[in-house]
Amino acid sequence: VEPAPVQVLPRTAWRLARRMRSEQAVSVAEQLEDTPFYQRALLRFAYA
């Protein structure tokens, strides 16, 4: 599929940089895990 543009997200509590492909700004719905080297979250984004 055609990729969406890169959207930069706020850094995590451990200052981990992250980004997401989305047609609009991305918001964090829920932070599930946050470690010094890995993060997992539910994101709200837009595509197609």
All heavy atoms as atom14 arrays in JSON, in Angstrom:
{
  "sequence": "VEPAPVQVLPRTAWRLARRMRSEQAVSVAEQLEDTPFYQRALLRFAYA",
  "atom14_mask": [
    [1, 1, 1, 1, 1, 1, 1, 0, 0, 0, 0, 0, 0, 0],
    [1, 1, 1, 1, 1, 1, 1, 1, 1, 0, 0, 0, 0, 0],
    [1, 1, 1, 1, 1, 1, 1, 0, 0, 0, 0, 0, 0, 0],
    [1, 1, 1, 1, 1, 0, 0, 0, 0, 0, 0, 0, 0, 0],
    [1, 1, 1, 1, 1, 1, 1, 0, 0, 0, 0, 0, 0, 0],
    [1, 1, 1, 1, 1, 1, 1, 0, 0, 0, 0, 0, 0, 0],
    [1, 1, 1, 1, 1, 1, 1, 1, 1, 0, 0, 0, 0, 0],
    [1, 1, 1, 1, 1, 1, 1, 0, 0, 0, 0, 0, 0, 0],
    [1, 1, 1, 1, 1, 1, 1, 1, 0, 0, 0, 0, 0, 0],
    [1, 1, 1, 1, 1, 1, 1, 0, 0, 0, 0, 0, 0, 0],
    [1, 1, 1, 1, 1, 1, 1, 1, 1, 1, 1, 0, 0, 0],
    [1, 1, 1, 1, 1, 1, 1, 0, 0, 0, 0, 0, 0, 0],
    [1, 1, 1, 1, 1, 0, 0, 0, 0, 0, 0, 0, 0, 0],
    [1, 1, 1, 1, 1, 1, 1, 1, 1, 1, 1, 1, 1, 1],
    [1, 1, 1, 1, 1, 1, 1, 1, 1, 1, 1, 0, 0, 0],
    [1, 1, 1, 1, 1, 1, 1, 1, 0, 0, 0, 0, 0, 0],
    [1, 1, 1, 1, 1, 0, 0, 0, 0, 0, 0, 0, 0, 0],
    [1, 1, 1, 1, 1, 1, 1, 1, 1, 1, 1, 0, 0, 0],
    [1, 1, 1, 1, 1, 1, 1, 1, 1, 1, 1, 0, 0, 0],
    [1, 1, 1, 1, 1, 1, 1, 1, 0, 0, 0, 0, 0, 0],
    [1, 1, 1, 1, 1, 1, 1, 1, 1, 1, 1, 0, 0, 0],
    [1, 1, 1, 1, 1, 1, 0, 0, 0, 0, 0, 0, 0, 0],
    [1, 1, 1, 1, 1, 1, 1, 1, 1, 0, 0, 0, 0, 0],
    [1, 1, 1, 1, 1, 1, 1, 1, 1, 0, 0, 0, 0, 0],
    [1, 1, 1, 1, 1, 0, 0, 0, 0, 0, 0, 0, 0, 0],
    [1, 1, 1, 1, 1, 1, 1, 0, 0, 0, 0, 0, 0, 0],
    [1, 1, 1, 1, 1, 1, 0, 0, 0, 0, 0, 0, 0, 0],
    [1, 1, 1, 1, 1, 1, 1, 0, 0, 0, 0, 0, 0, 0],
    [1, 1, 1, 1, 1, 0, 0, 0, 0, 0, 0, 0, 0, 0],
    [1, 1, 1, 1, 1, 1, 1, 1, 1, 0, 0, 0, 0, 0],
    [1, 1, 1, 1, 1, 1, 1, 1, 1, 0, 0, 0, 0, 0],
    [1, 1, 1, 1, 1, 1, 1, 1, 0, 0, 0, 0, 0, 0],
    [1, 1, 1, 1, 1, 1, 1, 1, 1, 0, 0, 0, 0, 0],
    [1, 1, 1, 1, 1, 1, 1, 1, 0, 0, 0, 0, 0, 0],
    [1, 1, 1, 1, 1, 1, 1, 0, 0, 0, 0, 0, 0, 0],
    [1, 1, 1, 1, 1, 1, 1, 0, 0, 0, 0, 0, 0, 0],
    [1, 1, 1, 1, 1, 1, 1, 1, 1, 1, 1, 0, 0, 0],
    [1, 1, 1, 1, 1, 1, 1, 1, 1, 1, 1, 1, 0, 0],
    [1, 1, 1, 1, 1, 1, 1, 1, 1, 0, 0, 0, 0, 0],
    [1, 1, 1, 1, 1, 1, 1, 1, 1, 1, 1, 0, 0, 0],
    [1, 1, 1, 1, 1, 0, 0, 0, 0, 0, 0, 0, 0, 0],
    [1, 1, 1, 1, 1, 1, 1, 1, 0, 0, 0, 0, 0, 0],
    [1, 1, 1, 1, 1, 1, 1, 1, 0, 0, 0, 0, 0, 0],
    [1, 1, 1, 1, 1, 1, 1, 1, 1, 1, 1, 0, 0, 0],
    [1, 1, 1, 1, 1, 1, 1, 1, 1, 1, 1, 0, 0, 0],
    [1, 1, 1, 1, 1, 0, 0, 0, 0, 0, 0, 0, 0, 0],
    [1, 1, 1, 1, 1, 1, 1, 1, 1, 1, 1, 1, 0, 0],
    [1, 1, 1, 1, 1, 0, 0, 0, 0, 0, 0, 0, 0, 0]
  ],
  "atom14_positions": [
    [[0.85, -1.19, 0.0], [0.0, 0.0, 0.0], [0.89, 1.24, 0.0], [2.08, 1.18, 0.31], [-0.95, 0.03, 1.21], [-1.89, -1.16, 1.18], [-0.16, 0.06, 2.52], [0.0, 0.0, 0.0], [0.0, 0.0, 0.0], [0.0, 0.0, 0.0], [0.0, 0.0, 0.0], [0.0, 0.0, 0.0], [0.0, 0.0, 0.0], [0.0, 0.0, 0.0]],
    [[0.29, 2.36, -0.35], [1.01, 3.63, -0.34], [1.28, 4.04, 1.1], [0.36, 4.1, 1.92], [0.18, 4.7, -1.04], [0.93, 5.98, -1.33], [2.01, 5.82, -2.38], [1.9, 4.9, -3.22], [2.98, 6.6, -2.34], [0.0, 0.0, 0.0], [0.0, 0.0, 0.0], [0.0, 0.0, 0.0], [0.0, 0.0, 0.0], [0.0, 0.0, 0.0]],
    [[2.53, 4.33, 1.46], [2.8, 4.71, 2.85], [2.3, 6.11, 3.15], [2.27, 6.97, 2.27], [4.32, 4.64, 2.94], [4.8, 4.84, 1.55], [3.76, 4.23, 0.66], [0.0, 0.0, 0.0], [0.0, 0.0, 0.0], [0.0, 0.0, 0.0], [0.0, 0.0, 0.0], [0.0, 0.0, 0.0], [0.0, 0.0, 0.0], [0.0, 0.0, 0.0]],
    [[1.91, 6.31, 4.4], [1.53, 7.64, 4.85], [2.77, 8.42, 5.26], [3.83, 7.85, 5.49], [0.56, 7.52, 6.04], [0.0, 0.0, 0.0], [0.0, 0.0, 0.0], [0.0, 0.0, 0.0], [0.0, 0.0, 0.0], [0.0, 0.0, 0.0], [0.0, 0.0, 0.0], [0.0, 0.0, 0.0], [0.0, 0.0, 0.0], [0.0, 0.0, 0.0]],
    [[2.66, 9.75, 5.37], [3.82, 10.55, 5.81], [4.21, 10.23, 7.25], [3.42, 9.74, 8.04], [3.3, 12.0, 5.7], [2.1, 11.93, 4.83], [1.51, 10.59, 5.03], [0.0, 0.0, 0.0], [0.0, 0.0, 0.0], [0.0, 0.0, 0.0], [0.0, 0.0, 0.0], [0.0, 0.0, 0.0], [0.0, 0.0, 0.0], [0.0, 0.0, 0.0]],
    [[5.46, 10.52, 7.57], [5.97, 10.32, 8.93], [5.44, 11.42, 9.84], [5.5, 12.61, 9.51], [7.51, 10.33, 8.94], [8.04, 10.36, 10.37], [8.06, 9.11, 8.21], [0.0, 0.0, 0.0], [0.0, 0.0, 0.0], [0.0, 0.0, 0.0], [0.0, 0.0, 0.0], [0.0, 0.0, 0.0], [0.0, 0.0, 0.0], [0.0, 0.0, 0.0]],
    [[4.92, 11.01, 11.0], [4.5, 11.94, 12.05], [5.34, 11.64, 13.3], [5.4, 10.49, 13.75], [3.01, 11.77, 12.37], [2.09, 11.86, 11.18], [1.96, 13.26, 10.62], [2.31, 14.25, 11.28], [1.49, 13.38, 9.39], [0.0, 0.0, 0.0], [0.0, 0.0, 0.0], [0.0, 0.0, 0.0], [0.0, 0.0, 0.0], [0.0, 0.0, 0.0]],
    [[5.99, 12.66, 13.83], [6.83, 12.48, 15.02], [5.96, 12.57, 16.27], [5.16, 13.5, 16.42], [7.95, 13.52, 15.06], [8.78, 13.38, 16.33], [8.84, 13.37, 13.82], [0.0, 0.0, 0.0], [0.0, 0.0, 0.0], [0.0, 0.0, 0.0], [0.0, 0.0, 0.0], [0.0, 0.0, 0.0], [0.0, 0.0, 0.0], [0.0, 0.0, 0.0]],
    [[6.13, 11.62, 17.17], [5.39, 11.58, 18.43], [6.24, 12.17, 19.55], [7.46, 12.22, 19.45], [5.0, 10.15, 18.8], [3.79, 9.55, 18.1], [4.11, 9.18, 16.67], [3.3, 8.33, 18.87], [0.0, 0.0, 0.0], [0.0, 0.0, 0.0], [0.0, 0.0, 0.0], [0.0, 0.0, 0.0], [0.0, 0.0, 0.0], [0.0, 0.0, 0.0]],
    [[5.6, 12.59, 20.65], [6.39, 13.01, 21.82], [7.23, 11.86, 22.34], [6.84, 10.7, 22.26], [5.31, 13.4, 22.84], [4.07, 13.64, 22.04], [4.15, 12.74, 20.87], [0.0, 0.0, 0.0], [0.0, 0.0, 0.0], [0.0, 0.0, 0.0], [0.0, 0.0, 0.0], [0.0, 0.0, 0.0], [0.0, 0.0, 0.0], [0.0, 0.0, 0.0]],
    [[8.41, 12.17, 22.86], [9.25, 11.15, 23.46], [8.56, 10.53, 24.67], [7.72, 11.15, 25.31], [10.6, 11.74, 23.85], [11.5, 12.09, 22.66], [12.79, 12.72, 23.12], [13.66, 13.02, 22.0], [14.68, 12.25, 21.6], [14.95, 11.14, 22.27], [15.42, 12.59, 20.56], [0.0, 0.0, 0.0], [0.0, 0.0, 0.0], [0.0, 0.0, 0.0]],
    [[8.95, 9.3, 24.97], [8.38, 8.61, 26.12], [9.0, 9.14, 27.41], [9.89, 9.99, 27.4], [8.65, 7.11, 26.02], [10.06, 6.88, 26.13], [8.15, 6.56, 24.7], [0.0, 0.0, 0.0], [0.0, 0.0, 0.0], [0.0, 0.0, 0.0], [0.0, 0.0, 0.0], [0.0, 0.0, 0.0], [0.0, 0.0, 0.0], [0.0, 0.0, 0.0]],
    [[8.54, 8.61, 28.55], [9.1, 9.02, 29.83], [10.59, 8.69, 29.92], [11.34, 9.38, 30.61], [8.33, 8.34, 30.97], [0.0, 0.0, 0.0], [0.0, 0.0, 0.0], [0.0, 0.0, 0.0], [0.0, 0.0, 0.0], [0.0, 0.0, 0.0], [0.0, 0.0, 0.0], [0.0, 0.0, 0.0], [0.0, 0.0, 0.0], [0.0, 0.0, 0.0]],
    [[11.03, 7.64, 29.21], [12.45, 7.28, 29.15], [13.16, 8.03, 28.03], [14.29, 7.67, 27.68], [12.61, 5.78, 28.98], [12.42, 4.99, 30.24], [11.3, 4.34, 30.64], [13.39, 4.78, 31.27], [11.51, 3.73, 31.85], [12.78, 3.97, 32.26], [14.72, 5.17, 31.45], [13.44, 3.57, 33.42], [15.39, 4.77, 32.61], [14.76, 3.98, 33.56]],
    [[12.51, 9.03, 27.43], [13.1, 9.86, 26.38], [13.4, 9.06, 25.12], [14.35, 9.35, 24.38], [14.36, 10.58, 26.87], [14.2, 11.37, 28.15], [13.12, 12.42, 28.0], [13.45, 13.41, 26.97], [12.56, 14.2, 26.37], [11.27, 14.12, 26.7], [12.95, 15.07, 25.47], [0.0, 0.0, 0.0], [0.0, 0.0, 0.0], [0.0, 0.0, 0.0]],
    [[12.6, 8.07, 24.83], [12.76, 7.27, 23.63], [12.03, 7.96, 22.47], [10.83, 8.23, 22.55], [12.2, 5.87, 23.84], [12.43, 4.84, 22.73], [13.93, 4.57, 22.57], [11.68, 3.55, 23.03], [0.0, 0.0, 0.0], [0.0, 0.0, 0.0], [0.0, 0.0, 0.0], [0.0, 0.0, 0.0], [0.0, 0.0, 0.0], [0.0, 0.0, 0.0]],
    [[12.75, 8.26, 21.4], [12.15, 8.88, 20.22], [11.29, 7.85, 19.48], [11.63, 6.67, 19.42], [13.24, 9.42, 19.31], [0.0, 0.0, 0.0], [0.0, 0.0, 0.0], [0.0, 0.0, 0.0], [0.0, 0.0, 0.0], [0.0, 0.0, 0.0], [0.0, 0.0, 0.0], [0.0, 0.0, 0.0], [0.0, 0.0, 0.0], [0.0, 0.0, 0.0]],
    [[10.19, 8.31, 18.9], [9.29, 7.41, 18.19], [8.54, 8.17, 17.11], [8.4, 9.39, 17.18], [8.31, 6.75, 19.15], [7.56, 7.74, 20.03], [6.67, 7.07, 21.04], [6.13, 8.03, 21.99], [5.15, 7.76, 22.85], [4.61, 6.55, 22.88], [4.73, 8.67, 23.7], [0.0, 0.0, 0.0], [0.0, 0.0, 0.0], [0.0, 0.0, 0.0]],
    [[8.02, 7.43, 16.14], [7.27, 8.06, 15.07], [6.26, 7.07, 14.5], [6.33, 5.87, 14.77], [8.22, 8.55, 13.97], [8.92, 7.45, 13.2], [10.0, 8.05, 12.3], [10.3, 7.2, 11.17], [11.17, 7.49, 10.22], [11.84, 8.65, 10.28], [11.4, 6.68, 9.22], [0.0, 0.0, 0.0], [0.0, 0.0, 0.0], [0.0, 0.0, 0.0]],
    [[5.33, 7.61, 13.71], [4.24, 6.8, 13.16], [3.89, 7.33, 11.78], [4.0, 8.54, 11.51], [3.02, 6.87, 14.09], [1.78, 6.18, 13.57], [2.01, 4.38, 13.4], [0.39, 3.91, 12.78], [0.0, 0.0, 0.0], [0.0, 0.0, 0.0], [0.0, 0.0, 0.0], [0.0, 0.0, 0.0], [0.0, 0.0, 0.0], [0.0, 0.0, 0.0]],
    [[3.45, 6.46, 10.89], [2.98, 6.84, 9.57], [1.49, 7.18, 9.66], [0.68, 6.34, 10.06], [3.2, 5.71, 8.58], [4.67, 5.33, 8.42], [5.34, 6.18, 7.39], [6.78, 5.93, 7.31], [7.53, 6.37, 6.3], [6.98, 7.07, 5.32], [8.83, 6.14, 6.29], [0.0, 0.0, 0.0], [0.0, 0.0, 0.0], [0.0, 0.0, 0.0]],
    [[1.13, 8.4, 9.27], [-0.26, 8.82, 9.39], [-0.51, 10.01, 8.48], [0.38, 10.82, 8.22], [-0.6, 9.2, 10.84], [-1.91, 9.72, 10.94], [0.0, 0.0, 0.0], [0.0, 0.0, 0.0], [0.0, 0.0, 0.0], [0.0, 0.0, 0.0], [0.0, 0.0, 0.0], [0.0, 0.0, 0.0], [0.0, 0.0, 0.0], [0.0, 0.0, 0.0]],
    [[-1.75, 10.14, 7.99], [-2.14, 11.27, 7.15], [-2.41, 12.52, 7.97], [-2.5, 13.61, 7.41], [-3.37, 10.89, 6.32], [-3.08, 9.78, 5.3], [-4.34, 9.25, 4.66], [-5.44, 9.6, 5.14], [-4.22, 8.49, 3.68], [0.0, 0.0, 0.0], [0.0, 0.0, 0.0], [0.0, 0.0, 0.0], [0.0, 0.0, 0.0], [0.0, 0.0, 0.0]],
    [[-2.58, 12.35, 9.28], [-2.84, 13.48, 10.17], [-2.0, 13.3, 11.44], [-1.3, 12.3, 11.61], [-4.32, 13.57, 10.51], [-5.24, 13.76, 9.32], [-6.7, 13.75, 9.7], [-7.06, 13.82, 10.86], [-7.57, 13.67, 8.7], [0.0, 0.0, 0.0], [0.0, 0.0, 0.0], [0.0, 0.0, 0.0], [0.0, 0.0, 0.0], [0.0, 0.0, 0.0]],
    [[-2.1, 14.27, 12.32], [-1.38, 14.19, 13.59], [-1.8, 12.94, 14.37], [-2.96, 12.51, 14.3], [-1.63, 15.43, 14.42], [0.0, 0.0, 0.0], [0.0, 0.0, 0.0], [0.0, 0.0, 0.0], [0.0, 0.0, 0.0], [0.0, 0.0, 0.0], [0.0, 0.0, 0.0], [0.0, 0.0, 0.0], [0.0, 0.0, 0.0], [0.0, 0.0, 0.0]],
    [[-0.87, 12.37, 15.1], [-1.09, 11.13, 15.85], [-1.2, 11.46, 17.33], [-0.47, 12.32, 17.85], [0.07, 10.15, 15.62], [-0.14, 8.86, 16.41], [0.22, 9.85, 14.14], [0.0, 0.0, 0.0], [0.0, 0.0, 0.0], [0.0, 0.0, 0.0], [0.0, 0.0, 0.0], [0.0, 0.0, 0.0], [0.0, 0.0, 0.0], [0.0, 0.0, 0.0]],
    [[-2.1, 10.77, 18.03], [-2.23, 10.94, 19.48], [-2.07, 9.59, 20.16], [-2.41, 8.54, 19.6], [-3.57, 11.56, 19.85], [-4.64, 10.72, 19.47], [0.0, 0.0, 0.0], [0.0, 0.0, 0.0], [0.0, 0.0, 0.0], [0.0, 0.0, 0.0], [0.0, 0.0, 0.0], [0.0, 0.0, 0.0], [0.0, 0.0, 0.0], [0.0, 0.0, 0.0]],
    [[-1.56, 9.61, 21.39], [-1.37, 8.39, 22.17], [-2.65, 8.12, 22.95], [-3.02, 8.89, 23.85], [-0.17, 8.52, 23.12], [-0.01, 7.25, 23.97], [1.11, 8.8, 22.33], [0.0, 0.0, 0.0], [0.0, 0.0, 0.0], [0.0, 0.0, 0.0], [0.0, 0.0, 0.0], [0.0, 0.0, 0.0], [0.0, 0.0, 0.0], [0.0, 0.0, 0.0]],
    [[-3.33, 7.03, 22.61], [-4.56, 6.66, 23.32], [-4.24, 6.01, 24.66], [-4.92, 6.25, 25.65], [-5.4, 5.73, 22.46], [0.0, 0.0, 0.0], [0.0, 0.0, 0.0], [0.0, 0.0, 0.0], [0.0, 0.0, 0.0], [0.0, 0.0, 0.0], [0.0, 0.0, 0.0], [0.0, 0.0, 0.0], [0.0, 0.0, 0.0], [0.0, 0.0, 0.0]],
    [[-3.2, 5.19, 24.7], [-2.81, 4.51, 25.94], [-1.36, 4.05, 25.83], [-0.99, 3.42, 24.84], [-3.71, 3.31, 26.22], [-3.45, 2.64, 27.55], [-4.42, 1.51, 27.85], [-5.33, 1.28, 27.03], [-4.26, 0.87, 28.91], [0.0, 0.0, 0.0], [0.0, 0.0, 0.0], [0.0, 0.0, 0.0], [0.0, 0.0, 0.0], [0.0, 0.0, 0.0]],
    [[-0.57, 4.36, 26.83], [0.82, 3.88, 26.89], [0.82, 2.54, 27.59], [0.48, 2.43, 28.78], [1.7, 4.87, 27.62], [3.18, 4.58, 27.53], [3.72, 4.78, 26.12], [3.49, 5.81, 25.49], [4.44, 3.78, 25.62], [0.0, 0.0, 0.0], [0.0, 0.0, 0.0], [0.0, 0.0, 0.0], [0.0, 0.0, 0.0], [0.0, 0.0, 0.0]],
    [[1.19, 1.47, 26.89], [1.12, 0.13, 27.45], [2.42, -0.31, 28.1], [2.4, -1.06, 29.08], [0.73, -0.86, 26.33], [-0.6, -0.57, 25.63], [-0.78, -1.51, 24.46], [-1.76, -0.69, 26.6], [0.0, 0.0, 0.0], [0.0, 0.0, 0.0], [0.0, 0.0, 0.0], [0.0, 0.0, 0.0], [0.0, 0.0, 0.0], [0.0, 0.0, 0.0]],
    [[3.55, 0.12, 27.54], [4.84, -0.26, 28.1], [5.85, 0.83, 27.76], [5.84, 1.36, 26.65], [5.31, -1.61, 27.54], [6.56, -2.15, 28.2], [6.86, -3.59, 27.83], [6.04, -4.21, 27.13], [7.92, -4.09, 28.25], [0.0, 0.0, 0.0], [0.0, 0.0, 0.0], [0.0, 0.0, 0.0], [0.0, 0.0, 0.0], [0.0, 0.0, 0.0]],
    [[6.73, 1.12, 28.72], [7.72, 2.18, 28.53], [8.99, 1.77, 29.25], [9.03, 1.73, 30.48], [7.18, 3.51, 29.05], [8.1, 4.68, 28.75], [9.14, 4.47, 28.1], [7.77, 5.8, 29.17], [0.0, 0.0, 0.0], [0.0, 0.0, 0.0], [0.0, 0.0, 0.0], [0.0, 0.0, 0.0], [0.0, 0.0, 0.0], [0.0, 0.0, 0.0]],
    [[10.03, 1.43, 28.49], [11.3, 0.99, 29.07], [12.42, 1.82, 28.45], [12.19, 2.59, 27.51], [11.55, -0.5, 28.8], [11.99, -0.68, 27.43], [10.3, -1.32, 29.04], [0.0, 0.0, 0.0], [0.0, 0.0, 0.0], [0.0, 0.0, 0.0], [0.0, 0.0, 0.0], [0.0, 0.0, 0.0], [0.0, 0.0, 0.0], [0.0, 0.0, 0.0]],
    [[13.67, 1.68, 28.93], [14.76, 2.47, 28.36], [15.0, 2.22, 26.88], [15.52, 3.1, 26.18], [15.97, 2.04, 29.19], [15.39, 1.61, 30.5], [14.09, 0.96, 30.15], [0.0, 0.0, 0.0], [0.0, 0.0, 0.0], [0.0, 0.0, 0.0], [0.0, 0.0, 0.0], [0.0, 0.0, 0.0], [0.0, 0.0, 0.0], [0.0, 0.0, 0.0]],
    [[14.66, 1.0, 26.36], [14.97, 0.69, 24.96], [13.74, 0.33, 24.13], [13.84, 0.17, 22.9], [15.96, -0.48, 24.89], [15.4, -1.79, 25.41], [14.79, -2.69, 24.57], [15.5, -2.11, 26.75], [14.27, -3.89, 25.05], [14.99, -3.3, 27.25], [14.37, -4.19, 26.39], [0.0, 0.0, 0.0], [0.0, 0.0, 0.0], [0.0, 0.0, 0.0]],
    [[12.56, 0.22, 24.75], [11.38, -0.27, 24.03], [10.13, 0.39, 24.59], [10.01, 0.61, 25.79], [11.28, -1.8, 24.2], [10.04, -2.41, 23.6], [9.99, -2.74, 22.25], [8.92, -2.68, 24.38], [8.86, -3.32, 21.7], [7.79, -3.26, 23.84], [7.76, -3.58, 22.49], [6.64, -4.14, 21.95], [0.0, 0.0, 0.0], [0.0, 0.0, 0.0]],
    [[9.2, 0.72, 23.67], [7.91, 1.24, 24.1], [6.81, 0.59, 23.27], [7.01, 0.22, 22.11], [7.86, 2.75, 24.0], [7.73, 3.31, 22.59], [6.31, 3.4, 22.08], [5.37, 3.7, 22.83], [6.11, 3.14, 20.78], [0.0, 0.0, 0.0], [0.0, 0.0, 0.0], [0.0, 0.0, 0.0], [0.0, 0.0, 0.0], [0.0, 0.0, 0.0]],
    [[5.64, 0.49, 23.89], [4.45, -0.07, 23.24], [3.26, 0.78, 23.62], [3.08, 1.13, 24.8], [4.24, -1.51, 23.69], [3.06, -2.21, 23.06], [2.87, -3.58, 23.68], [4.03, -4.43, 23.43], [4.38, -5.46, 24.21], [3.7, -5.71, 25.33], [5.41, -6.21, 23.91], [0.0, 0.0, 0.0], [0.0, 0.0, 0.0], [0.0, 0.0, 0.0]],
    [[2.43, 1.14, 22.62], [1.31, 2.04, 22.89], [0.19, 1.81, 21.89], [0.41, 1.26, 20.79], [1.78, 3.5, 22.83], [0.0, 0.0, 0.0], [0.0, 0.0, 0.0], [0.0, 0.0, 0.0], [0.0, 0.0, 0.0], [0.0, 0.0, 0.0], [0.0, 0.0, 0.0], [0.0, 0.0, 0.0], [0.0, 0.0, 0.0], [0.0, 0.0, 0.0]],
    [[-1.0, 2.25, 22.26], [-2.12, 2.35, 21.33], [-2.16, 3.78, 20.82], [-2.18, 4.73, 21.61], [-3.44, 2.0, 22.02], [-3.62, 0.55, 22.46], [-4.96, 0.38, 23.18], [-3.55, -0.4, 21.27], [0.0, 0.0, 0.0], [0.0, 0.0, 0.0], [0.0, 0.0, 0.0], [0.0, 0.0, 0.0], [0.0, 0.0, 0.0], [0.0, 0.0, 0.0]],
    [[-2.18, 3.93, 19.49], [-2.17, 5.25, 18.87], [-3.42, 5.46, 18.04], [-3.94, 4.53, 17.41], [-0.94, 5.39, 17.95], [0.44, 5.17, 18.55], [1.5, 5.4, 17.48], [0.67, 6.07, 19.75], [0.0, 0.0, 0.0], [0.0, 0.0, 0.0], [0.0, 0.0, 0.0], [0.0, 0.0, 0.0], [0.0, 0.0, 0.0], [0.0, 0.0, 0.0]],
    [[-3.87, 6.69, 18.02], [-4.95, 7.1, 17.11], [-4.3, 7.82, 15.93], [-3.53, 8.76, 16.11], [-5.95, 8.0, 17.82], [-6.73, 7.28, 18.92], [-7.91, 8.12, 19.4], [-8.67, 7.42, 20.43], [-8.5, 7.61, 21.74], [-7.6, 8.48, 22.16], [-9.22, 6.94, 22.61], [0.0, 0.0, 0.0], [0.0, 0.0, 0.0], [0.0, 0.0, 0.0]],
    [[-4.62, 7.34, 14.7], [-4.01, 7.92, 13.52], [-5.0, 7.85, 12.37], [-6.13, 7.4, 12.53], [-2.71, 7.18, 13.17], [-2.91, 5.82, 12.54], [-2.59, 5.61, 11.21], [-3.42, 4.76, 13.26], [-2.77, 4.37, 10.61], [-3.62, 3.51, 12.68], [-3.29, 3.32, 11.36], [0.0, 0.0, 0.0], [0.0, 0.0, 0.0], [0.0, 0.0, 0.0]],
    [[-4.58, 8.33, 11.2], [-5.47, 8.36, 10.03], [-4.76, 7.76, 8.82], [-3.58, 8.03, 8.58], [-5.89, 9.79, 9.72], [0.0, 0.0, 0.0], [0.0, 0.0, 0.0], [0.0, 0.0, 0.0], [0.0, 0.0, 0.0], [0.0, 0.0, 0.0], [0.0, 0.0, 0.0], [0.0, 0.0, 0.0], [0.0, 0.0, 0.0], [0.0, 0.0, 0.0]],
    [[-5.51, 6.95, 8.06], [-4.97, 6.39, 6.83], [-6.12, 6.09, 5.87], [-7.16, 5.57, 6.29], [-4.18, 5.1, 7.1], [-3.56, 4.55, 5.84], [-2.39, 5.11, 5.32], [-4.15, 3.5, 5.14], [-1.83, 4.64, 4.15], [-3.59, 3.01, 3.98], [-2.43, 3.58, 3.48], [-1.88, 3.12, 2.31], [0.0, 0.0, 0.0], [0.0, 0.0, 0.0]],
    [[-5.93, 6.43, 4.61], [-6.92, 6.2, 3.55], [-8.28, 6.79, 3.93], [-9.32, 6.19, 3.66], [-7.04, 4.71, 3.25], [0.0, 0.0, 0.0], [0.0, 0.0, 0.0], [0.0, 0.0, 0.0], [0.0, 0.0, 0.0], [0.0, 0.0, 0.0], [0.0, 0.0, 0.0], [0.0, 0.0, 0.0], [0.0, 0.0, 0.0], [0.0, 0.0, 0.0]]
  ]
}
